[in-house]
Amino acid sequence: MTELELIAKNILGLKQLLRVAWEDLGSTHLSSSERREIRSQMRQAASDLHHALQDFQDEHDRLRKLHAEKCERERPRRVQLRLVD
């Protein structure tokens, strides 16, 4: 797996965790301390998600720049021709 794929997998896991946490908060059987703990975990997951999204963007930008540099190196050079009388 590439770095980008690992980050994407992490992002999906964090999104799933937040989705389940929101469902759990809807339960009427939770005590106030359990709700507080879930909200605390949600804040941590949201922070981790924010960092993972930033890492994904940074890695994507890095790979795009590398690809552009590679294409620039591999592109055939144009030769300036002059007609001499």
PDB file of N, CA and C in Angstrom:
ATOM      1  N   MET A   1       0.836  -1.188   0.000  1.00  0.00           N
ATOM      2  CA  MET A   1       0.000   0.000   0.000  1.00  0.00           C
ATOM      3  C   MET A   1       0.876   1.245   0.000  1.00  0.00           C
ATOM      4  N   THR A   2       0.421   2.230  -0.714  1.00  0.00           N
ATOM      5  CA  THR A   2       1.164   3.488  -0.727  1.00  0.00           C
ATOM      6  C   THR A   2       0.790   4.309   0.503  1.00  0.00           C
ATOM      7  N   GLU A   3       1.582   5.338   0.741  1.00  0.00           N
ATOM      8  CA  GLU A   3       1.322   6.231   1.878  1.00  0.00           C
ATOM      9  C   GLU A   3      -0.071   6.857   1.752  1.00  0.00           C
ATOM     10  N   LEU A   4      -0.422   7.239   0.528  1.00  0.00           N
ATOM     11  CA  LEU A   4      -1.729   7.862   0.288  1.00  0.00           C
ATOM     12  C   LEU A   4      -2.866   6.895   0.612  1.00  0.00           C
ATOM     13  N   GLU A   5      -2.697   5.626   0.245  1.00  0.00           N
ATOM     14  CA  GLU A   5      -3.722   4.620   0.535  1.00  0.00           C
ATOM     15  C   GLU A   5      -3.855   4.372   2.035  1.00  0.00           C
ATOM     16  N   LEU A   6      -2.734   4.366   2.741  1.00  0.00           N
ATOM     17  CA  LEU A   6      -2.780   4.175   4.196  1.00  0.00           C
ATOM     18  C   LEU A   6      -3.507   5.333   4.883  1.00  0.00           C
ATOM     19  N   ILE A   7      -3.223   6.536   4.435  1.00  0.00           N
ATOM     20  CA  ILE A   7      -3.885   7.705   5.016  1.00  0.00           C
ATOM     21  C   ILE A   7      -5.381   7.661   4.707  1.00  0.00           C
ATOM     22  N   ALA A   8      -5.735   7.282   3.473  1.00  0.00           N
ATOM     23  CA  ALA A   8      -7.146   7.195   3.088  1.00  0.00           C
ATOM     24  C   ALA A   8      -7.873   6.143   3.929  1.00  0.00           C
ATOM     25  N   LYS A   9      -7.214   5.024   4.186  1.00  0.00           N
ATOM     26  CA  LYS A   9      -7.809   3.978   5.026  1.00  0.00           C
ATOM     27  C   LYS A   9      -8.029   4.490   6.450  1.00  0.00           C
ATOM     28  N   ASN A  10      -7.058   5.227   6.966  1.00  0.00           N
ATOM     29  CA  ASN A  10      -7.173   5.827   8.298  1.00  0.00           C
ATOM     30  C   ASN A  10      -8.344   6.814   8.346  1.00  0.00           C
ATOM     31  N   ILE A  11      -8.495   7.607   7.300  1.00  0.00           N
ATOM     32  CA  ILE A  11      -9.591   8.586   7.229  1.00  0.00           C
ATOM     33  C   ILE A  11     -10.931   7.870   7.256  1.00  0.00           C
ATOM     34  N   LEU A  12     -11.056   6.808   6.476  1.00  0.00           N
ATOM     35  CA  LEU A  12     -12.320   6.056   6.462  1.00  0.00           C
ATOM     36  C   LEU A  12     -12.627   5.461   7.833  1.00  0.00           C
ATOM     37  N   GLY A  13     -11.601   4.948   8.510  1.00  0.00           N
ATOM     38  CA  GLY A  13     -11.802   4.397   9.848  1.00  0.00           C
ATOM     39  C   GLY A  13     -12.264   5.455  10.849  1.00  0.00           C
ATOM     40  N   LEU A  14     -11.666   6.633  10.774  1.00  0.00           N
ATOM     41  CA  LEU A  14     -12.058   7.721  11.684  1.00  0.00           C
ATOM     42  C   LEU A  14     -13.481   8.190  11.395  1.00  0.00           C
ATOM     43  N   LYS A  15     -13.848   8.253  10.121  1.00  0.00           N
ATOM     44  CA  LYS A  15     -15.211   8.657   9.775  1.00  0.00           C
ATOM     45  C   LYS A  15     -16.220   7.635  10.293  1.00  0.00           C
ATOM     46  N   GLN A  16     -15.875   6.343  10.181  1.00  0.00           N
ATOM     47  CA  GLN A  16     -16.758   5.291  10.685  1.00  0.00           C
ATOM     48  C   GLN A  16     -16.886   5.389  12.203  1.00  0.00           C
ATOM     49  N   LEU A  17     -15.771   5.636  12.881  1.00  0.00           N
ATOM     50  CA  LEU A  17     -15.801   5.779  14.337  1.00  0.00           C
ATOM     51  C   LEU A  17     -16.723   6.926  14.750  1.00  0.00           C
ATOM     52  N   LEU A  18     -16.622   8.054  14.064  1.00  0.00           N
ATOM     53  CA  LEU A  18     -17.487   9.193  14.387  1.00  0.00           C
ATOM     54  C   LEU A  18     -18.953   8.887  14.102  1.00  0.00           C
ATOM     55  N   ARG A  19     -19.213   8.170  13.008  1.00  0.00           N
ATOM     56  CA  ARG A  19     -20.592   7.819  12.663  1.00  0.00           C
ATOM     57  C   ARG A  19     -21.213   6.940  13.753  1.00  0.00           C
ATOM     58  N   VAL A  20     -20.441   5.947  14.218  1.00  0.00           N
ATOM     59  CA  VAL A  20     -20.935   5.053  15.277  1.00  0.00           C
ATOM     60  C   VAL A  20     -21.106   5.820  16.590  1.00  0.00           C
ATOM     61  N   ALA A  21     -20.195   6.730  16.871  1.00  0.00           N
ATOM     62  CA  ALA A  21     -20.289   7.511  18.111  1.00  0.00           C
ATOM     63  C   ALA A  21     -21.553   8.365  18.108  1.00  0.00           C
ATOM     64  N   TRP A  22     -21.887   8.966  16.958  1.00  0.00           N
ATOM     65  CA  TRP A  22     -23.116   9.757  16.890  1.00  0.00           C
ATOM     66  C   TRP A  22     -24.337   8.870  17.126  1.00  0.00           C
ATOM     67  N   GLU A  23     -24.317   7.673  16.576  1.00  0.00           N
ATOM     68  CA  GLU A  23     -25.430   6.738  16.806  1.00  0.00           C
ATOM     69  C   GLU A  23     -25.521   6.378  18.286  1.00  0.00           C
ATOM     70  N   ASP A  24     -24.372   6.141  18.909  1.00  0.00           N
ATOM     71  CA  ASP A  24     -24.359   5.794  20.332  1.00  0.00           C
ATOM     72  C   ASP A  24     -24.898   6.935  21.189  1.00  0.00           C
ATOM     73  N   LEU A  25     -24.585   8.172  20.813  1.00  0.00           N
ATOM     74  CA  LEU A  25     -25.087   9.314  21.586  1.00  0.00           C
ATOM     75  C   LEU A  25     -26.603   9.401  21.546  1.00  0.00           C
ATOM     76  N   GLY A  26     -27.208   8.848  20.509  1.00  0.00           N
ATOM     77  CA  GLY A  26     -28.664   8.868  20.396  1.00  0.00           C
ATOM     78  C   GLY A  26     -29.351   7.869  21.317  1.00  0.00           C
ATOM     79  N   SER A  27     -28.585   6.994  21.918  1.00  0.00           N
ATOM     80  CA  SER A  27     -29.154   5.983  22.807  1.00  0.00           C
ATOM     81  C   SER A  27     -29.658   6.623  24.101  1.00  0.00           C
ATOM     82  N   THR A  28     -30.820   6.203  24.527  1.00  0.00           N
ATOM     83  CA  THR A  28     -31.396   6.742  25.770  1.00  0.00           C
ATOM     84  C   THR A  28     -30.875   5.996  27.003  1.00  0.00           C
ATOM     85  N   HIS A  29     -30.119   4.939  26.798  1.00  0.00           N
ATOM     86  CA  HIS A  29     -29.660   4.114  27.909  1.00  0.00           C
ATOM     87  C   HIS A  29     -28.296   4.522  28.453  1.00  0.00           C
ATOM     88  N   LEU A  30     -27.747   5.614  27.956  1.00  0.00           N
ATOM     89  CA  LEU A  30     -26.418   6.044  28.400  1.00  0.00           C
ATOM     90  C   LEU A  30     -26.509   6.972  29.603  1.00  0.00           C
ATOM     91  N   SER A  31     -25.576   6.821  30.515  1.00  0.00           N
ATOM     92  CA  SER A  31     -25.503   7.748  31.644  1.00  0.00           C
ATOM     93  C   SER A  31     -24.782   9.013  31.170  1.00  0.00           C
ATOM     94  N   SER A  32     -24.838  10.047  31.988  1.00  0.00           N
ATOM     95  CA  SER A  32     -24.193  11.305  31.611  1.00  0.00           C
ATOM     96  C   SER A  32     -22.671  11.136  31.513  1.00  0.00           C
ATOM     97  N   SER A  33     -22.084  10.303  32.359  1.00  0.00           N
ATOM     98  CA  SER A  33     -20.635  10.090  32.287  1.00  0.00           C
ATOM     99  C   SER A  33     -20.266   9.323  31.011  1.00  0.00           C
ATOM    100  N   GLU A  34     -21.111   8.396  30.585  1.00  0.00           N
ATOM    101  CA  GLU A  34     -20.852   7.672  29.333  1.00  0.00           C
ATOM    102  C   GLU A  34     -20.962   8.617  28.137  1.00  0.00           C
ATOM    103  N   ARG A  35     -21.945   9.508  28.175  1.00  0.00           N
ATOM    104  CA  ARG A  35     -22.093  10.496  27.099  1.00  0.00           C
ATOM    105  C   ARG A  35     -20.867  11.425  27.049  1.00  0.00           C
ATOM    106  N   ARG A  36     -20.425  11.831  28.210  1.00  0.00           N
ATOM    107  CA  ARG A  36     -19.252  12.710  28.294  1.00  0.00           C
ATOM    108  C   ARG A  36     -18.027  12.005  27.703  1.00  0.00           C
ATOM    109  N   GLU A  37     -17.856  10.721  28.030  1.00  0.00           N
ATOM    110  CA  GLU A  37     -16.727   9.957  27.509  1.00  0.00           C
ATOM    111  C   GLU A  37     -16.819   9.811  25.979  1.00  0.00           C
ATOM    112  N   ILE A  38     -18.007   9.565  25.464  1.00  0.00           N
ATOM    113  CA  ILE A  38     -18.189   9.441  24.010  1.00  0.00           C
ATOM    114  C   ILE A  38     -17.868  10.768  23.327  1.00  0.00           C
ATOM    115  N   ARG A  39     -18.355  11.871  23.911  1.00  0.00           N
ATOM    116  CA  ARG A  39     -18.066  13.187  23.314  1.00  0.00           C
ATOM    117  C   ARG A  39     -16.568  13.486  23.345  1.00  0.00           C
ATOM    118  N   SER A  40     -15.897  13.076  24.409  1.00  0.00           N
ATOM    119  CA  SER A  40     -14.453  13.267  24.497  1.00  0.00           C
ATOM    120  C   SER A  40     -13.743  12.464  23.404  1.00  0.00           C
ATOM    121  N   GLN A  41     -14.160  11.220  23.208  1.00  0.00           N
ATOM    122  CA  GLN A  41     -13.583  10.390  22.154  1.00  0.00           C
ATOM    123  C   GLN A  41     -13.877  10.978  20.772  1.00  0.00           C
ATOM    124  N   MET A  42     -15.052  11.563  20.617  1.00  0.00           N
ATOM    125  CA  MET A  42     -15.414  12.173  19.341  1.00  0.00           C
ATOM    126  C   MET A  42     -14.530  13.385  19.052  1.00  0.00           C
ATOM    127  N   ARG A  43     -14.246  14.187  20.067  1.00  0.00           N
ATOM    128  CA  ARG A  43     -13.355  15.332  19.872  1.00  0.00           C
ATOM    129  C   ARG A  43     -11.969  14.875  19.439  1.00  0.00           C
ATOM    130  N   GLN A  44     -11.474  13.815  20.081  1.00  0.00           N
ATOM    131  CA  GLN A  44     -10.161  13.286  19.722  1.00  0.00           C
ATOM    132  C   GLN A  44     -10.171  12.731  18.298  1.00  0.00           C
ATOM    133  N   ALA A  45     -11.232  12.008  17.942  1.00  0.00           N
ATOM    134  CA  ALA A  45     -11.334  11.440  16.590  1.00  0.00           C
ATOM    135  C   ALA A  45     -11.451  12.550  15.550  1.00  0.00           C
ATOM    136  N   ALA A  46     -12.179  13.599  15.869  1.00  0.00           N
ATOM    137  CA  ALA A  46     -12.321  14.720  14.934  1.00  0.00           C
ATOM    138  C   ALA A  46     -10.973  15.414  14.730  1.00  0.00           C
ATOM    139  N   SER A  47     -10.216  15.556  15.794  1.00  0.00           N
ATOM    140  CA  SER A  47      -8.887  16.146  15.687  1.00  0.00           C
ATOM    141  C   SER A  47      -7.970  15.256  14.846  1.00  0.00           C
ATOM    142  N   ASP A  48      -8.011  13.950  15.103  1.00  0.00           N
ATOM    143  CA  ASP A  48      -7.207  13.005  14.328  1.00  0.00           C
ATOM    144  C   ASP A  48      -7.613  13.026  12.856  1.00  0.00           C
ATOM    145  N   LEU A  49      -8.914  13.141  12.603  1.00  0.00           N
ATOM    146  CA  LEU A  49      -9.416  13.199  11.233  1.00  0.00           C
ATOM    147  C   LEU A  49      -8.902  14.452  10.531  1.00  0.00           C
ATOM    148  N   HIS A  50      -8.920  15.570  11.233  1.00  0.00           N
ATOM    149  CA  HIS A  50      -8.424  16.818  10.665  1.00  0.00           C
ATOM    150  C   HIS A  50      -6.950  16.667  10.262  1.00  0.00           C
ATOM    151  N   HIS A  51      -6.148  16.073  11.141  1.00  0.00           N
ATOM    152  CA  HIS A  51      -4.729  15.882  10.846  1.00  0.00           C
ATOM    153  C   HIS A  51      -4.521  14.896   9.690  1.00  0.00           C
ATOM    154  N   ALA A  52      -5.329  13.841   9.653  1.00  0.00           N
ATOM    155  CA  ALA A  52      -5.214  12.865   8.573  1.00  0.00           C
ATOM    156  C   ALA A  52      -5.576  13.496   7.228  1.00  0.00           C
ATOM    157  N   LEU A  53      -6.602  14.337   7.223  1.00  0.00           N
ATOM    158  CA  LEU A  53      -6.981  15.022   5.987  1.00  0.00           C
ATOM    159  C   LEU A  53      -5.876  15.965   5.527  1.00  0.00           C
ATOM    160  N   GLN A  54      -5.242  16.637   6.467  1.00  0.00           N
ATOM    161  CA  GLN A  54      -4.135  17.520   6.125  1.00  0.00           C
ATOM    162  C   GLN A  54      -2.953  16.706   5.583  1.00  0.00           C
ATOM    163  N   ASP A  55      -2.674  15.571   6.219  1.00  0.00           N
ATOM    164  CA  ASP A  55      -1.597  14.693   5.742  1.00  0.00           C
ATOM    165  C   ASP A  55      -1.893  14.196   4.333  1.00  0.00           C
ATOM    166  N   PHE A  56      -3.155  13.849   4.080  1.00  0.00           N
ATOM    167  CA  PHE A  56      -3.560  13.378   2.756  1.00  0.00           C
ATOM    168  C   PHE A  56      -3.322  14.467   1.719  1.00  0.00           C
ATOM    169  N   GLN A  57      -3.731  15.686   2.052  1.00  0.00           N
ATOM    170  CA  GLN A  57      -3.548  16.811   1.132  1.00  0.00           C
ATOM    171  C   GLN A  57      -2.055  17.059   0.869  1.00  0.00           C
ATOM    172  N   ASP A  58      -1.261  17.037   1.915  1.00  0.00           N
ATOM    173  CA  ASP A  58       0.182  17.264   1.764  1.00  0.00           C
ATOM    174  C   ASP A  58       0.821  16.189   0.891  1.00  0.00           C
ATOM    175  N   GLU A  59       0.462  14.922   1.141  1.00  0.00           N
ATOM    176  CA  GLU A  59       1.024  13.826   0.359  1.00  0.00           C
ATOM    177  C   GLU A  59       0.566  13.911  -1.104  1.00  0.00           C
ATOM    178  N   HIS A  60      -0.693  14.245  -1.304  1.00  0.00           N
ATOM    179  CA  HIS A  60      -1.214  14.389  -2.661  1.00  0.00           C
ATOM    180  C   HIS A  60      -0.473  15.509  -3.399  1.00  0.00           C
ATOM    181  N   ASP A  61      -0.270  16.635  -2.744  1.00  0.00           N
ATOM    182  CA  ASP A  61       0.461  17.749  -3.353  1.00  0.00           C
ATOM    183  C   ASP A  61       1.901  17.348  -3.683  1.00  0.00           C
ATOM    184  N   ARG A  62       2.532  16.607  -2.769  1.00  0.00           N
ATOM    185  CA  ARG A  62       3.907  16.162  -2.988  1.00  0.00           C
ATOM    186  C   ARG A  62       3.994  15.246  -4.210  1.00  0.00           C
ATOM    187  N   LEU A  63       3.058  14.294  -4.305  1.00  0.00           N
ATOM    188  CA  LEU A  63       3.075  13.379  -5.439  1.00  0.00           C
ATOM    189  C   LEU A  63       2.769  14.097  -6.750  1.00  0.00           C
ATOM    190  N   ARG A  64       1.875  15.057  -6.703  1.00  0.00           N
ATOM    191  CA  ARG A  64       1.541  15.816  -7.902  1.00  0.00           C
ATOM    192  C   ARG A  64       2.756  16.619  -8.386  1.00  0.00           C
ATOM    193  N   LYS A  65       3.481  17.192  -7.432  1.00  0.00           N
ATOM    194  CA  LYS A  65       4.682  17.954  -7.785  1.00  0.00           C
ATOM    195  C   LYS A  65       5.747  17.031  -8.383  1.00  0.00           C
ATOM    196  N   LEU A  66       5.938  15.847  -7.784  1.00  0.00           N
ATOM    197  CA  LEU A  66       6.901  14.886  -8.319  1.00  0.00           C
ATOM    198  C   LEU A  66       6.529  14.462  -9.740  1.00  0.00           C
ATOM    199  N   HIS A  67       5.243  14.227  -9.963  1.00  0.00           N
ATOM    200  CA  HIS A  67       4.782  13.827 -11.293  1.00  0.00           C
ATOM    201  C   HIS A  67       5.031  14.948 -12.303  1.00  0.00           C
ATOM    202  N   ALA A  68       4.754  16.178 -11.911  1.00  0.00           N
ATOM    203  CA  ALA A  68       4.971  17.312 -12.813  1.00  0.00           C
ATOM    204  C   ALA A  68       6.459  17.454 -13.151  1.00  0.00           C
ATOM    205  N   GLU A  69       7.331  17.265 -12.154  1.00  0.00           N
ATOM    206  CA  GLU A  69       8.771  17.342 -12.396  1.00  0.00           C
ATOM    207  C   GLU A  69       9.229  16.218 -13.318  1.00  0.00           C
ATOM    208  N   LYS A  70       8.689  15.026 -13.128  1.00  0.00           N
ATOM    209  CA  LYS A  70       9.045  13.892 -13.975  1.00  0.00           C
ATOM    210  C   LYS A  70       8.610  14.150 -15.417  1.00  0.00           C
ATOM    211  N   CYS A  71       7.404  14.652 -15.593  1.00  0.00           N
ATOM    212  CA  CYS A  71       6.912  14.952 -16.939  1.00  0.00           C
ATOM    213  C   CYS A  71       7.755  16.043 -17.589  1.00  0.00           C
ATOM    214  N   GLU A  72       8.188  16.996 -16.810  1.00  0.00           N
ATOM    215  CA  GLU A  72       9.019  18.082 -17.336  1.00  0.00           C
ATOM    216  C   GLU A  72      10.364  17.536 -17.825  1.00  0.00           C
ATOM    217  N   ARG A  73      10.953  16.623 -17.066  1.00  0.00           N
ATOM    218  CA  ARG A  73      12.234  16.036 -17.457  1.00  0.00           C
ATOM    219  C   ARG A  73      12.100  15.156 -18.701  1.00  0.00           C
ATOM    220  N   GLU A  74      10.988  14.441 -18.810  1.00  0.00           N
ATOM    221  CA  GLU A  74      10.806  13.494 -19.905  1.00  0.00           C
ATOM    222  C   GLU A  74      10.265  14.135 -21.178  1.00  0.00           C
ATOM    223  N   ARG A  75       9.789  15.346 -21.071  1.00  0.00           N
ATOM    224  CA  ARG A  75       9.217  16.018 -22.237  1.00  0.00           C
ATOM    225  C   ARG A  75      10.324  16.316 -23.241  1.00  0.00           C
ATOM    226  N   PRO A  76      10.080  16.018 -24.513  1.00  0.00           N
ATOM    227  CA  PRO A  76      11.111  16.329 -25.503  1.00  0.00           C
ATOM    228  C   PRO A  76      11.363  17.836 -25.566  1.00  0.00           C
ATOM    229  N   ARG A  77      12.624  18.176 -25.730  1.00  0.00           N
ATOM    230  CA  ARG A  77      12.995  19.588 -25.795  1.00  0.00           C
ATOM    231  C   ARG A  77      12.751  20.120 -27.197  1.00  0.00           C
ATOM    232  N   ARG A  78      12.300  21.340 -27.263  1.00  0.00           N
ATOM    233  CA  ARG A  78      12.115  21.996 -28.562  1.00  0.00           C
ATOM    234  C   ARG A  78      13.423  22.671 -28.945  1.00  0.00           C
ATOM    235  N   VAL A  79      13.821  22.432 -30.139  1.00  0.00           N
ATOM    236  CA  VAL A  79      15.065  23.009 -30.640  1.00  0.00           C
ATOM    237  C   VAL A  79      14.717  24.212 -31.488  1.00  0.00           C
ATOM    238  N   GLN A  80      15.370  25.318 -31.208  1.00  0.00           N
ATOM    239  CA  GLN A  80      15.185  26.535 -31.998  1.00  0.00           C
ATOM    240  C   GLN A  80      16.030  26.442 -33.266  1.00  0.00           C
ATOM    241  N   LEU A  81      15.391  26.462 -34.402  1.00  0.00           N
ATOM    242  CA  LEU A  81      16.111  26.405 -35.677  1.00  0.00           C
ATOM    243  C   LEU A  81      16.110  27.781 -36.327  1.00  0.00           C
ATOM    244  N   ARG A  82      17.246  28.107 -36.921  1.00  0.00           N
ATOM    245  CA  ARG A  82      17.356  29.374 -37.648  1.00  0.00           C
ATOM    246  C   ARG A  82      17.769  29.075 -39.083  1.00  0.00           C
ATOM    247  N   LEU A  83      17.239  29.838 -39.989  1.00  0.00           N
ATOM    248  CA  LEU A  83      17.651  29.728 -41.383  1.00  0.00           C
ATOM    249  C   LEU A  83      18.797  30.685 -41.620  1.00  0.00           C
ATOM    250  N   VAL A  84      19.860  30.170 -42.182  1.00  0.00           N
ATOM    251  CA  VAL A  84      21.031  30.982 -42.455  1.00  0.00           C
ATOM    252  C   VAL A  84      21.128  31.194 -43.965  1.00  0.00           C
ATOM    253  N   ASP A  85      21.269  32.426 -44.370  1.00  0.00           N
ATOM    254  CA  ASP A  85      21.413  32.730 -45.827  1.00  0.00           C
ATOM    255  C   ASP A  85      22.822  32.564 -46.267  1.00  0.00           C
TER     256      ASP A  85
END
